[in-house]
Protein backbone atom coordinates (compact mmCIF):
# COMPACT_ATOMS: atom_id res chain seq x y z
CA MET A 1 15.90 -46.06 45.30
CA ALA A 2 19.31 -45.64 46.89
CA MET A 3 21.60 -48.21 48.41
CA THR A 4 25.05 -48.32 49.91
CA LEU A 5 27.61 -50.43 48.11
CA ARG A 6 30.39 -51.69 50.35
CA LEU A 7 33.55 -52.54 48.42
CA THR A 8 37.00 -53.68 49.39
CA PRO A 9 39.76 -51.19 48.57
CA THR A 10 40.70 -53.33 45.56
CA GLU A 11 37.11 -53.45 44.29
CA ASP A 12 36.77 -49.70 44.80
CA GLU A 13 39.92 -49.05 42.77
CA THR A 14 38.66 -51.34 40.01
CA LEU A 15 35.36 -49.46 39.93
CA ALA A 16 37.19 -46.11 39.94
CA ARG A 17 39.38 -47.27 37.04
CA LEU A 18 36.31 -48.34 35.04
CA ALA A 19 34.63 -45.02 35.74
CA ARG A 20 37.70 -43.11 34.54
CA GLN A 21 38.04 -45.24 31.40
CA PHE A 22 34.40 -44.70 30.45
CA ARG A 23 34.30 -41.09 31.67
CA MET A 24 31.41 -41.60 34.05
CA SER A 25 30.75 -41.59 37.76
CA LYS A 26 31.47 -44.65 39.86
CA ASN A 27 27.72 -44.90 40.44
CA GLN A 28 27.06 -45.02 36.68
CA ALA A 29 29.87 -47.55 36.17
CA ALA A 30 28.46 -49.82 38.88
CA ALA A 31 24.95 -49.57 37.46
CA GLN A 32 26.16 -50.42 33.94
CA ALA A 33 28.24 -53.33 35.24
CA ILE A 34 25.18 -54.73 37.01
CA ASP A 35 23.06 -54.25 33.90
CA LEU A 36 25.63 -56.00 31.70
CA ALA A 37 26.13 -58.88 34.13
CA ALA A 38 22.45 -59.56 34.83
CA PRO A 39 20.74 -62.34 32.90
CA LYS A 40 18.69 -61.00 30.01
CA ARG A 41 15.21 -62.22 29.15
CA ASP A 42 15.32 -60.56 25.76
CA HIS A 43 18.75 -60.75 24.17
CA ALA A 44 17.73 -58.65 21.17
CA GLU A 45 16.74 -55.76 23.46
CA PHE A 46 20.05 -56.11 25.32
CA VAL A 47 22.00 -55.94 22.06
CA GLN A 48 19.99 -52.91 20.94
CA ARG A 49 20.70 -51.01 24.19
CA ALA A 50 24.36 -51.98 24.15
CA THR A 51 24.68 -50.88 20.52
CA ALA A 52 22.99 -47.56 21.29
CA ARG A 53 25.47 -46.93 24.13
CA LEU A 54 28.41 -47.75 21.86
CA LEU A 55 27.11 -45.54 19.06
CA VAL A 56 26.83 -42.61 21.45
CA ARG A 57 30.41 -43.17 22.54
CA TYR A 58 32.01 -44.08 19.18
CA GLY A 59 29.58 -42.70 16.58
CA GLY A 60 31.84 -39.82 15.59
CA LEU A 61 34.80 -42.14 15.23
CA LEU A 62 32.82 -44.53 13.03
CA GLU A 63 31.73 -41.65 10.80
CA ARG A 64 35.32 -40.44 10.43
CA LEU A 65 36.51 -43.96 9.61
CA ALA A 66 33.78 -44.31 6.96
CA GLU A 67 35.20 -41.22 5.20
CA VAL A 68 38.66 -42.76 4.82
């Protein structure tokens, strides 16, 4: 389902900066921000999903650090 997100210029720049930092689209950055900010019924599942995202992003770095 699609929706239009109306942002102020400042909010749009903040979203654009997040998207650049995480190398994703503004749409993906907004969706992740909503997901992270929403109350969680099952904290363990939230931690598992967050850890999986971080491992995808930093897994190679962690492996290289383990070799040092």
